[in-house]
Amino acid sequence: MKSEQSVYESLVTLLDRTIEDLAPADIELDSDLKDDLDIDSLARLEVVAAIEEHWSIKVPEEDAEELRTVRQTVHYIIEATSTPA
C-alpha cells in the first residue's frame, strides 16, 4: 500500500505539471481544488486524465466530481491502486 505522503508528493508534482500558475508551495493536503487552487471544471478533467495515466487507474466521472480536496484525491488514489482490478 502506498503511503499518504508519497502519493501526496507525486500528486503535487502532477498538479504542478498539469495546471499553469500553480505553485507547489500553495498545495496542501486540505487545499480545496476549486476554492483554494482555482482548478475549474476543464482543469479538473486534465488533472483526472493525468491521474489516470500516472497511476494506471480509471476514475469514473461521478467519482471525479466528489474529489474536492487534495486529501480526498490522495485517499482515492491509494484506494484505487490498492484494490485489485
PDB file of N, CA and C in Angstrom:
ATOM      1  N   MET A   1       0.843  -1.185   0.000  1.00  0.00           N
ATOM      2  CA  MET A   1       0.000   0.000   0.000  1.00  0.00           C
ATOM      3  C   MET A   1       0.890   1.251   0.000  1.00  0.00           C
ATOM      4  N   LYS A   2       0.542   2.182  -0.814  1.00  0.00           N
ATOM      5  CA  LYS A   2       1.304   3.422  -0.911  1.00  0.00           C
ATOM      6  C   LYS A   2       0.995   4.313   0.294  1.00  0.00           C
ATOM      7  N   SER A   3       1.995   5.070   0.738  1.00  0.00           N
ATOM      8  CA  SER A   3       1.775   5.963   1.871  1.00  0.00           C
ATOM      9  C   SER A   3       1.109   7.255   1.404  1.00  0.00           C
ATOM     10  N   GLU A   4       0.393   7.879   2.327  1.00  0.00           N
ATOM     11  CA  GLU A   4      -0.262   9.147   2.022  1.00  0.00           C
ATOM     12  C   GLU A   4       0.773  10.176   1.567  1.00  0.00           C
ATOM     13  N   GLN A   5       1.924  10.210   2.240  1.00  0.00           N
ATOM     14  CA  GLN A   5       2.950  11.198   1.918  1.00  0.00           C
ATOM     15  C   GLN A   5       3.498  10.999   0.509  1.00  0.00           C
ATOM     16  N   SER A   6       3.769   9.755   0.122  1.00  0.00           N
ATOM     17  CA  SER A   6       4.346   9.525  -1.211  1.00  0.00           C
ATOM     18  C   SER A   6       3.342   9.854  -2.316  1.00  0.00           C
ATOM     19  N   VAL A   7       2.079   9.510  -2.110  1.00  0.00           N
ATOM     20  CA  VAL A   7       1.048   9.837  -3.103  1.00  0.00           C
ATOM     21  C   VAL A   7       0.846  11.348  -3.151  1.00  0.00           C
ATOM     22  N   TYR A   8       0.844  11.987  -1.992  1.00  0.00           N
ATOM     23  CA  TYR A   8       0.704  13.447  -1.926  1.00  0.00           C
ATOM     24  C   TYR A   8       1.823  14.127  -2.710  1.00  0.00           C
ATOM     25  N   GLU A   9       3.066  13.705  -2.485  1.00  0.00           N
ATOM     26  CA  GLU A   9       4.199  14.315  -3.187  1.00  0.00           C
ATOM     27  C   GLU A   9       4.088  14.116  -4.698  1.00  0.00           C
ATOM     28  N   SER A  10       3.681  12.924  -5.116  1.00  0.00           N
ATOM     29  CA  SER A  10       3.505  12.658  -6.549  1.00  0.00           C
ATOM     30  C   SER A  10       2.374  13.502  -7.123  1.00  0.00           C
ATOM     31  N   LEU A  11       1.294  13.648  -6.352  1.00  0.00           N
ATOM     32  CA  LEU A  11       0.153  14.444  -6.811  1.00  0.00           C
ATOM     33  C   LEU A  11       0.529  15.921  -6.928  1.00  0.00           C
ATOM     34  N   VAL A  12       1.304  16.433  -5.986  1.00  0.00           N
ATOM     35  CA  VAL A  12       1.754  17.829  -6.054  1.00  0.00           C
ATOM     36  C   VAL A  12       2.561  18.047  -7.329  1.00  0.00           C
ATOM     37  N   THR A  13       3.462  17.123  -7.633  1.00  0.00           N
ATOM     38  CA  THR A  13       4.265  17.215  -8.852  1.00  0.00           C
ATOM     39  C   THR A  13       3.365  17.186 -10.081  1.00  0.00           C
ATOM     40  N   LEU A  14       2.395  16.281 -10.080  1.00  0.00           N
ATOM     41  CA  LEU A  14       1.467  16.156 -11.203  1.00  0.00           C
ATOM     42  C   LEU A  14       0.638  17.432 -11.372  1.00  0.00           C
ATOM     43  N   LEU A  15       0.138  17.986 -10.276  1.00  0.00           N
ATOM     44  CA  LEU A  15      -0.645  19.224 -10.348  1.00  0.00           C
ATOM     45  C   LEU A  15       0.208  20.373 -10.866  1.00  0.00           C
ATOM     46  N   ASP A  16       1.442  20.434 -10.417  1.00  0.00           N
ATOM     47  CA  ASP A  16       2.357  21.489 -10.864  1.00  0.00           C
ATOM     48  C   ASP A  16       2.595  21.404 -12.369  1.00  0.00           C
ATOM     49  N   ARG A  17       2.727  20.188 -12.886  1.00  0.00           N
ATOM     50  CA  ARG A  17       2.957  20.000 -14.325  1.00  0.00           C
ATOM     51  C   ARG A  17       1.688  20.232 -15.141  1.00  0.00           C
ATOM     52  N   THR A  18       0.538  19.957 -14.568  1.00  0.00           N
ATOM     53  CA  THR A  18      -0.724  19.996 -15.304  1.00  0.00           C
ATOM     54  C   THR A  18      -1.391  21.370 -15.291  1.00  0.00           C
ATOM     55  N   ILE A  19      -1.292  22.081 -14.195  1.00  0.00           N
ATOM     56  CA  ILE A  19      -2.010  23.344 -14.019  1.00  0.00           C
ATOM     57  C   ILE A  19      -1.031  24.514 -14.054  1.00  0.00           C
ATOM     58  N   GLU A  20      -1.271  25.433 -14.987  1.00  0.00           N
ATOM     59  CA  GLU A  20      -0.436  26.637 -15.070  1.00  0.00           C
ATOM     60  C   GLU A  20      -0.676  27.521 -13.855  1.00  0.00           C
ATOM     61  N   ASP A  21       0.336  28.281 -13.492  1.00  0.00           N
ATOM     62  CA  ASP A  21       0.241  29.269 -12.409  1.00  0.00           C
ATOM     63  C   ASP A  21      -0.117  28.657 -11.060  1.00  0.00           C
ATOM     64  N   LEU A  22       0.255  27.407 -10.846  1.00  0.00           N
ATOM     65  CA  LEU A  22       0.005  26.767  -9.561  1.00  0.00           C
ATOM     66  C   LEU A  22       1.354  26.439  -8.940  1.00  0.00           C
ATOM     67  N   ALA A  23       1.645  27.056  -7.821  1.00  0.00           N
ATOM     68  CA  ALA A  23       2.928  26.836  -7.154  1.00  0.00           C
ATOM     69  C   ALA A  23       2.811  25.647  -6.203  1.00  0.00           C
ATOM     70  N   PRO A  24       3.761  24.708  -6.272  1.00  0.00           N
ATOM     71  CA  PRO A  24       3.716  23.555  -5.372  1.00  0.00           C
ATOM     72  C   PRO A  24       3.610  23.956  -3.898  1.00  0.00           C
ATOM     73  N   ALA A  25       4.213  25.066  -3.523  1.00  0.00           N
ATOM     74  CA  ALA A  25       4.161  25.520  -2.128  1.00  0.00           C
ATOM     75  C   ALA A  25       2.739  25.876  -1.693  1.00  0.00           C
ATOM     76  N   ASP A  26       1.856  26.151  -2.648  1.00  0.00           N
ATOM     77  CA  ASP A  26       0.467  26.502  -2.339  1.00  0.00           C
ATOM     78  C   ASP A  26      -0.429  25.278  -2.158  1.00  0.00           C
ATOM     79  N   ILE A  27       0.091  24.102  -2.483  1.00  0.00           N
ATOM     80  CA  ILE A  27      -0.720  22.883  -2.454  1.00  0.00           C
ATOM     81  C   ILE A  27      -0.531  22.173  -1.118  1.00  0.00           C
ATOM     82  N   GLU A  28      -1.588  22.166  -0.314  1.00  0.00           N
ATOM     83  CA  GLU A  28      -1.571  21.486   0.976  1.00  0.00           C
ATOM     84  C   GLU A  28      -2.597  20.364   0.948  1.00  0.00           C
ATOM     85  N   LEU A  29      -2.465  19.420   1.878  1.00  0.00           N
ATOM     86  CA  LEU A  29      -3.391  18.288   1.904  1.00  0.00           C
ATOM     87  C   LEU A  29      -4.850  18.728   1.979  1.00  0.00           C
ATOM     88  N   ASP A  30      -5.123  19.771   2.726  1.00  0.00           N
ATOM     89  CA  ASP A  30      -6.514  20.190   2.888  1.00  0.00           C
ATOM     90  C   ASP A  30      -6.930  21.303   1.936  1.00  0.00           C
ATOM     91  N   SER A  31      -6.111  21.560   0.925  1.00  0.00           N
ATOM     92  CA  SER A  31      -6.481  22.551  -0.088  1.00  0.00           C
ATOM     93  C   SER A  31      -7.693  22.063  -0.871  1.00  0.00           C
ATOM     94  N   ASP A  32      -8.653  22.956  -1.052  1.00  0.00           N
ATOM     95  CA  ASP A  32      -9.809  22.666  -1.886  1.00  0.00           C
ATOM     96  C   ASP A  32      -9.392  22.902  -3.334  1.00  0.00           C
ATOM     97  N   LEU A  33      -9.651  21.926  -4.184  1.00  0.00           N
ATOM     98  CA  LEU A  33      -9.198  22.011  -5.571  1.00  0.00           C
ATOM     99  C   LEU A  33      -9.764  23.233  -6.283  1.00  0.00           C
ATOM    100  N   LYS A  34     -11.024  23.533  -6.050  1.00  0.00           N
ATOM    101  CA  LYS A  34     -11.659  24.661  -6.733  1.00  0.00           C
ATOM    102  C   LYS A  34     -11.411  25.979  -5.998  1.00  0.00           C
ATOM    103  N   ASP A  35     -11.750  26.015  -4.721  1.00  0.00           N
ATOM    104  CA  ASP A  35     -11.713  27.276  -3.978  1.00  0.00           C
ATOM    105  C   ASP A  35     -10.299  27.761  -3.665  1.00  0.00           C
ATOM    106  N   ASP A  36      -9.406  26.850  -3.283  1.00  0.00           N
ATOM    107  CA  ASP A  36      -8.050  27.249  -2.895  1.00  0.00           C
ATOM    108  C   ASP A  36      -7.072  27.245  -4.065  1.00  0.00           C
ATOM    109  N   LEU A  37      -7.234  26.273  -4.961  1.00  0.00           N
ATOM    110  CA  LEU A  37      -6.263  26.115  -6.047  1.00  0.00           C
ATOM    111  C   LEU A  37      -6.785  26.607  -7.395  1.00  0.00           C
ATOM    112  N   ASP A  38      -8.024  27.085  -7.423  1.00  0.00           N
ATOM    113  CA  ASP A  38      -8.628  27.628  -8.652  1.00  0.00           C
ATOM    114  C   ASP A  38      -8.626  26.637  -9.815  1.00  0.00           C
ATOM    115  N   ILE A  39      -8.878  25.374  -9.511  1.00  0.00           N
ATOM    116  CA  ILE A  39      -8.952  24.354 -10.556  1.00  0.00           C
ATOM    117  C   ILE A  39     -10.406  24.291 -11.020  1.00  0.00           C
ATOM    118  N   ASP A  40     -10.656  24.806 -12.225  1.00  0.00           N
ATOM    119  CA  ASP A  40     -12.017  24.822 -12.763  1.00  0.00           C
ATOM    120  C   ASP A  40     -12.359  23.465 -13.376  1.00  0.00           C
ATOM    121  N   SER A  41     -13.552  23.355 -13.938  1.00  0.00           N
ATOM    122  CA  SER A  41     -14.017  22.060 -14.446  1.00  0.00           C
ATOM    123  C   SER A  41     -13.154  21.534 -15.590  1.00  0.00           C
ATOM    124  N   LEU A  42     -12.678  22.404 -16.459  1.00  0.00           N
ATOM    125  CA  LEU A  42     -11.814  21.959 -17.549  1.00  0.00           C
ATOM    126  C   LEU A  42     -10.466  21.485 -17.007  1.00  0.00           C
ATOM    127  N   ALA A  43      -9.905  22.243 -16.098  1.00  0.00           N
ATOM    128  CA  ALA A  43      -8.629  21.850 -15.493  1.00  0.00           C
ATOM    129  C   ALA A  43      -8.784  20.555 -14.702  1.00  0.00           C
ATOM    130  N   ARG A  44      -9.952  20.372 -14.068  1.00  0.00           N
ATOM    131  CA  ARG A  44     -10.203  19.136 -13.313  1.00  0.00           C
ATOM    132  C   ARG A  44     -10.149  17.926 -14.250  1.00  0.00           C
ATOM    133  N   LEU A  45     -10.705  18.071 -15.449  1.00  0.00           N
ATOM    134  CA  LEU A  45     -10.644  16.979 -16.427  1.00  0.00           C
ATOM    135  C   LEU A  45      -9.201  16.651 -16.785  1.00  0.00           C
ATOM    136  N   GLU A  46      -8.382  17.680 -16.942  1.00  0.00           N
ATOM    137  CA  GLU A  46      -6.968  17.475 -17.249  1.00  0.00           C
ATOM    138  C   GLU A  46      -6.258  16.778 -16.093  1.00  0.00           C
ATOM    139  N   VAL A  47      -6.579  17.181 -14.876  1.00  0.00           N
ATOM    140  CA  VAL A  47      -5.972  16.564 -13.694  1.00  0.00           C
ATOM    141  C   VAL A  47      -6.381  15.100 -13.597  1.00  0.00           C
ATOM    142  N   VAL A  48      -7.661  14.815 -13.780  1.00  0.00           N
ATOM    143  CA  VAL A  48      -8.140  13.431 -13.708  1.00  0.00           C
ATOM    144  C   VAL A  48      -7.461  12.577 -14.779  1.00  0.00           C
ATOM    145  N   ALA A  49      -7.342  13.093 -15.984  1.00  0.00           N
ATOM    146  CA  ALA A  49      -6.659  12.350 -17.055  1.00  0.00           C
ATOM    147  C   ALA A  49      -5.205  12.081 -16.680  1.00  0.00           C
ATOM    148  N   ALA A  50      -4.548  13.058 -16.081  1.00  0.00           N
ATOM    149  CA  ALA A  50      -3.152  12.883 -15.669  1.00  0.00           C
ATOM    150  C   ALA A  50      -3.044  11.855 -14.544  1.00  0.00           C
ATOM    151  N   ILE A  51      -3.991  11.873 -13.607  1.00  0.00           N
ATOM    152  CA  ILE A  51      -4.017  10.883 -12.520  1.00  0.00           C
ATOM    153  C   ILE A  51      -4.205   9.489 -13.103  1.00  0.00           C
ATOM    154  N   GLU A  52      -5.157   9.355 -14.021  1.00  0.00           N
ATOM    155  CA  GLU A  52      -5.417   8.047 -14.638  1.00  0.00           C
ATOM    156  C   GLU A  52      -4.173   7.519 -15.335  1.00  0.00           C
ATOM    157  N   GLU A  53      -3.487   8.388 -16.042  1.00  0.00           N
ATOM    158  CA  GLU A  53      -2.288   7.964 -16.766  1.00  0.00           C
ATOM    159  C   GLU A  53      -1.151   7.631 -15.803  1.00  0.00           C
ATOM    160  N   HIS A  54      -0.918   8.493 -14.831  1.00  0.00           N
ATOM    161  CA  HIS A  54       0.213   8.311 -13.913  1.00  0.00           C
ATOM    162  C   HIS A  54       0.063   7.055 -13.056  1.00  0.00           C
ATOM    163  N   TRP A  55      -1.128   6.827 -12.518  1.00  0.00           N
ATOM    164  CA  TRP A  55      -1.336   5.699 -11.617  1.00  0.00           C
ATOM    165  C   TRP A  55      -2.004   4.508 -12.302  1.00  0.00           C
ATOM    166  N   SER A  56      -2.240   4.577 -13.590  1.00  0.00           N
ATOM    167  CA  SER A  56      -2.867   3.481 -14.346  1.00  0.00           C
ATOM    168  C   SER A  56      -4.181   3.041 -13.705  1.00  0.00           C
ATOM    169  N   ILE A  57      -5.024   4.020 -13.419  1.00  0.00           N
ATOM    170  CA  ILE A  57      -6.338   3.735 -12.853  1.00  0.00           C
ATOM    171  C   ILE A  57      -7.397   4.438 -13.692  1.00  0.00           C
ATOM    172  N   LYS A  58      -8.642   4.029 -13.497  1.00  0.00           N
ATOM    173  CA  LYS A  58      -9.778   4.680 -14.152  1.00  0.00           C
ATOM    174  C   LYS A  58     -10.568   5.408 -13.070  1.00  0.00           C
ATOM    175  N   VAL A  59     -10.830   6.686 -13.293  1.00  0.00           N
ATOM    176  CA  VAL A  59     -11.603   7.487 -12.346  1.00  0.00           C
ATOM    177  C   VAL A  59     -12.935   7.828 -13.014  1.00  0.00           C
ATOM    178  N   PRO A  60     -14.010   7.124 -12.641  1.00  0.00           N
ATOM    179  CA  PRO A  60     -15.314   7.425 -13.230  1.00  0.00           C
ATOM    180  C   PRO A  60     -15.712   8.879 -12.957  1.00  0.00           C
ATOM    181  N   GLU A  61     -16.472   9.452 -13.864  1.00  0.00           N
ATOM    182  CA  GLU A  61     -16.871  10.861 -13.759  1.00  0.00           C
ATOM    183  C   GLU A  61     -17.534  11.174 -12.420  1.00  0.00           C
ATOM    184  N   GLU A  62     -18.407  10.265 -11.963  1.00  0.00           N
ATOM    185  CA  GLU A  62     -19.101  10.525 -10.695  1.00  0.00           C
ATOM    186  C   GLU A  62     -18.122  10.550  -9.516  1.00  0.00           C
ATOM    187  N   ASP A  63     -17.059   9.745  -9.588  1.00  0.00           N
ATOM    188  CA  ASP A  63     -16.030   9.781  -8.542  1.00  0.00           C
ATOM    189  C   ASP A  63     -15.221  11.070  -8.638  1.00  0.00           C
ATOM    190  N   ALA A  64     -14.866  11.461  -9.845  1.00  0.00           N
ATOM    191  CA  ALA A  64     -14.065  12.673 -10.051  1.00  0.00           C
ATOM    192  C   ALA A  64     -14.778  13.900  -9.490  1.00  0.00           C
ATOM    193  N   GLU A  65     -16.091  13.937  -9.637  1.00  0.00           N
ATOM    194  CA  GLU A  65     -16.863  15.079  -9.142  1.00  0.00           C
ATOM    195  C   GLU A  65     -16.851  15.172  -7.620  1.00  0.00           C
ATOM    196  N   GLU A  66     -16.630  14.039  -6.951  1.00  0.00           N
ATOM    197  CA  GLU A  66     -16.619  14.006  -5.487  1.00  0.00           C
ATOM    198  C   GLU A  66     -15.266  14.385  -4.889  1.00  0.00           C
ATOM    199  N   LEU A  67     -14.235  14.432  -5.702  1.00  0.00           N
ATOM    200  CA  LEU A  67     -12.895  14.750  -5.207  1.00  0.00           C
ATOM    201  C   LEU A  67     -12.764  16.264  -5.074  1.00  0.00           C
ATOM    202  N   ARG A  68     -12.942  16.747  -3.871  1.00  0.00           N
ATOM    203  CA  ARG A  68     -12.961  18.191  -3.642  1.00  0.00           C
ATOM    204  C   ARG A  68     -11.650  18.726  -3.062  1.00  0.00           C
ATOM    205  N   THR A  69     -10.925  17.904  -2.310  1.00  0.00           N
ATOM    206  CA  THR A  69      -9.676  18.365  -1.699  1.00  0.00           C
ATOM    207  C   THR A  69      -8.511  17.495  -2.160  1.00  0.00           C
ATOM    208  N   VAL A  70      -7.328  17.997  -1.912  1.00  0.00           N
ATOM    209  CA  VAL A  70      -6.127  17.221  -2.231  1.00  0.00           C
ATOM    210  C   VAL A  70      -6.139  15.931  -1.411  1.00  0.00           C
ATOM    211  N   ARG A  71      -6.487  16.020  -0.122  1.00  0.00           N
ATOM    212  CA  ARG A  71      -6.516  14.833   0.748  1.00  0.00           C
ATOM    213  C   ARG A  71      -7.485  13.777   0.206  1.00  0.00           C
ATOM    214  N   GLN A  72      -8.690  14.188  -0.191  1.00  0.00           N
ATOM    215  CA  GLN A  72      -9.653  13.233  -0.750  1.00  0.00           C
ATOM    216  C   GLN A  72      -9.080  12.571  -1.997  1.00  0.00           C
ATOM    217  N   THR A  73      -8.400  13.337  -2.807  1.00  0.00           N
ATOM    218  CA  THR A  73      -7.809  12.806  -4.034  1.00  0.00           C
ATOM    219  C   THR A  73      -6.709  11.812  -3.715  1.00  0.00           C
ATOM    220  N   VAL A  74      -5.863  12.149  -2.751  1.00  0.00           N
ATOM    221  CA  VAL A  74      -4.787  11.240  -2.326  1.00  0.00           C
ATOM    222  C   VAL A  74      -5.381   9.923  -1.837  1.00  0.00           C
ATOM    223  N   HIS A  75      -6.394   9.994  -0.983  1.00  0.00           N
ATOM    224  CA  HIS A  75      -7.007   8.773  -0.443  1.00  0.00           C
ATOM    225  C   HIS A  75      -7.696   7.966  -1.543  1.00  0.00           C
ATOM    226  N   TYR A  76      -8.300   8.645  -2.493  1.00  0.00           N
ATOM    227  CA  TYR A  76      -8.920   7.952  -3.627  1.00  0.00           C
ATOM    228  C   TYR A  76      -7.858   7.172  -4.407  1.00  0.00           C
ATOM    229  N   ILE A  77      -6.723   7.806  -4.662  1.00  0.00           N
ATOM    230  CA  ILE A  77      -5.638   7.158  -5.410  1.00  0.00           C
ATOM    231  C   ILE A  77      -5.112   5.950  -4.637  1.00  0.00           C
ATOM    232  N   ILE A  78      -4.907   6.107  -3.333  1.00  0.00           N
ATOM    233  CA  ILE A  78      -4.421   4.991  -2.511  1.00  0.00           C
ATOM    234  C   ILE A  78      -5.393   3.822  -2.599  1.00  0.00           C
ATOM    235  N   GLU A  79      -6.672   4.114  -2.442  1.00  0.00           N
ATOM    236  CA  GLU A  79      -7.708   3.070  -2.508  1.00  0.00           C
ATOM    237  C   GLU A  79      -7.730   2.406  -3.889  1.00  0.00           C
ATOM    238  N   ALA A  80      -7.706   3.215  -4.932  1.00  0.00           N
ATOM    239  CA  ALA A  80      -7.799   2.690  -6.301  1.00  0.00           C
ATOM    240  C   ALA A  80      -6.579   1.860  -6.688  1.00  0.00           C
ATOM    241  N   THR A  81      -5.418   2.217  -6.173  1.00  0.00           N
ATOM    242  CA  THR A  81      -4.205   1.480  -6.545  1.00  0.00           C
ATOM    243  C   THR A  81      -3.963   0.272  -5.652  1.00  0.00           C
ATOM    244  N   SER A  82      -4.686   0.173  -4.543  1.00  0.00           N
ATOM    245  CA  SER A  82      -4.502  -0.985  -3.670  1.00  0.00           C
ATOM    246  C   SER A  82      -5.574  -2.043  -3.892  1.00  0.00           C
ATOM    247  N   THR A  83      -6.581  -1.716  -4.688  1.00  0.00           N
ATOM    248  CA  THR A  83      -7.655  -2.653  -4.996  1.00  0.00           C
ATOM    249  C   THR A  83      -7.318  -3.403  -6.279  1.00  0.00           C
ATOM    250  N   PRO A  84      -7.299  -4.744  -6.216  1.00  0.00           N
ATOM    251  CA  PRO A  84      -7.021  -5.497  -7.450  1.00  0.00           C
ATOM    252  C   PRO A  84      -8.084  -5.231  -8.507  1.00  0.00           C
ATOM    253  N   ALA A  85      -7.646  -5.185  -9.748  1.00  0.00           N
ATOM    254  CA  ALA A  85      -8.566  -4.915 -10.865  1.00  0.00           C
ATOM    255  C   ALA A  85      -9.488  -6.073 -11.109  1.00  0.00           C
TER     256      ALA A  85
END
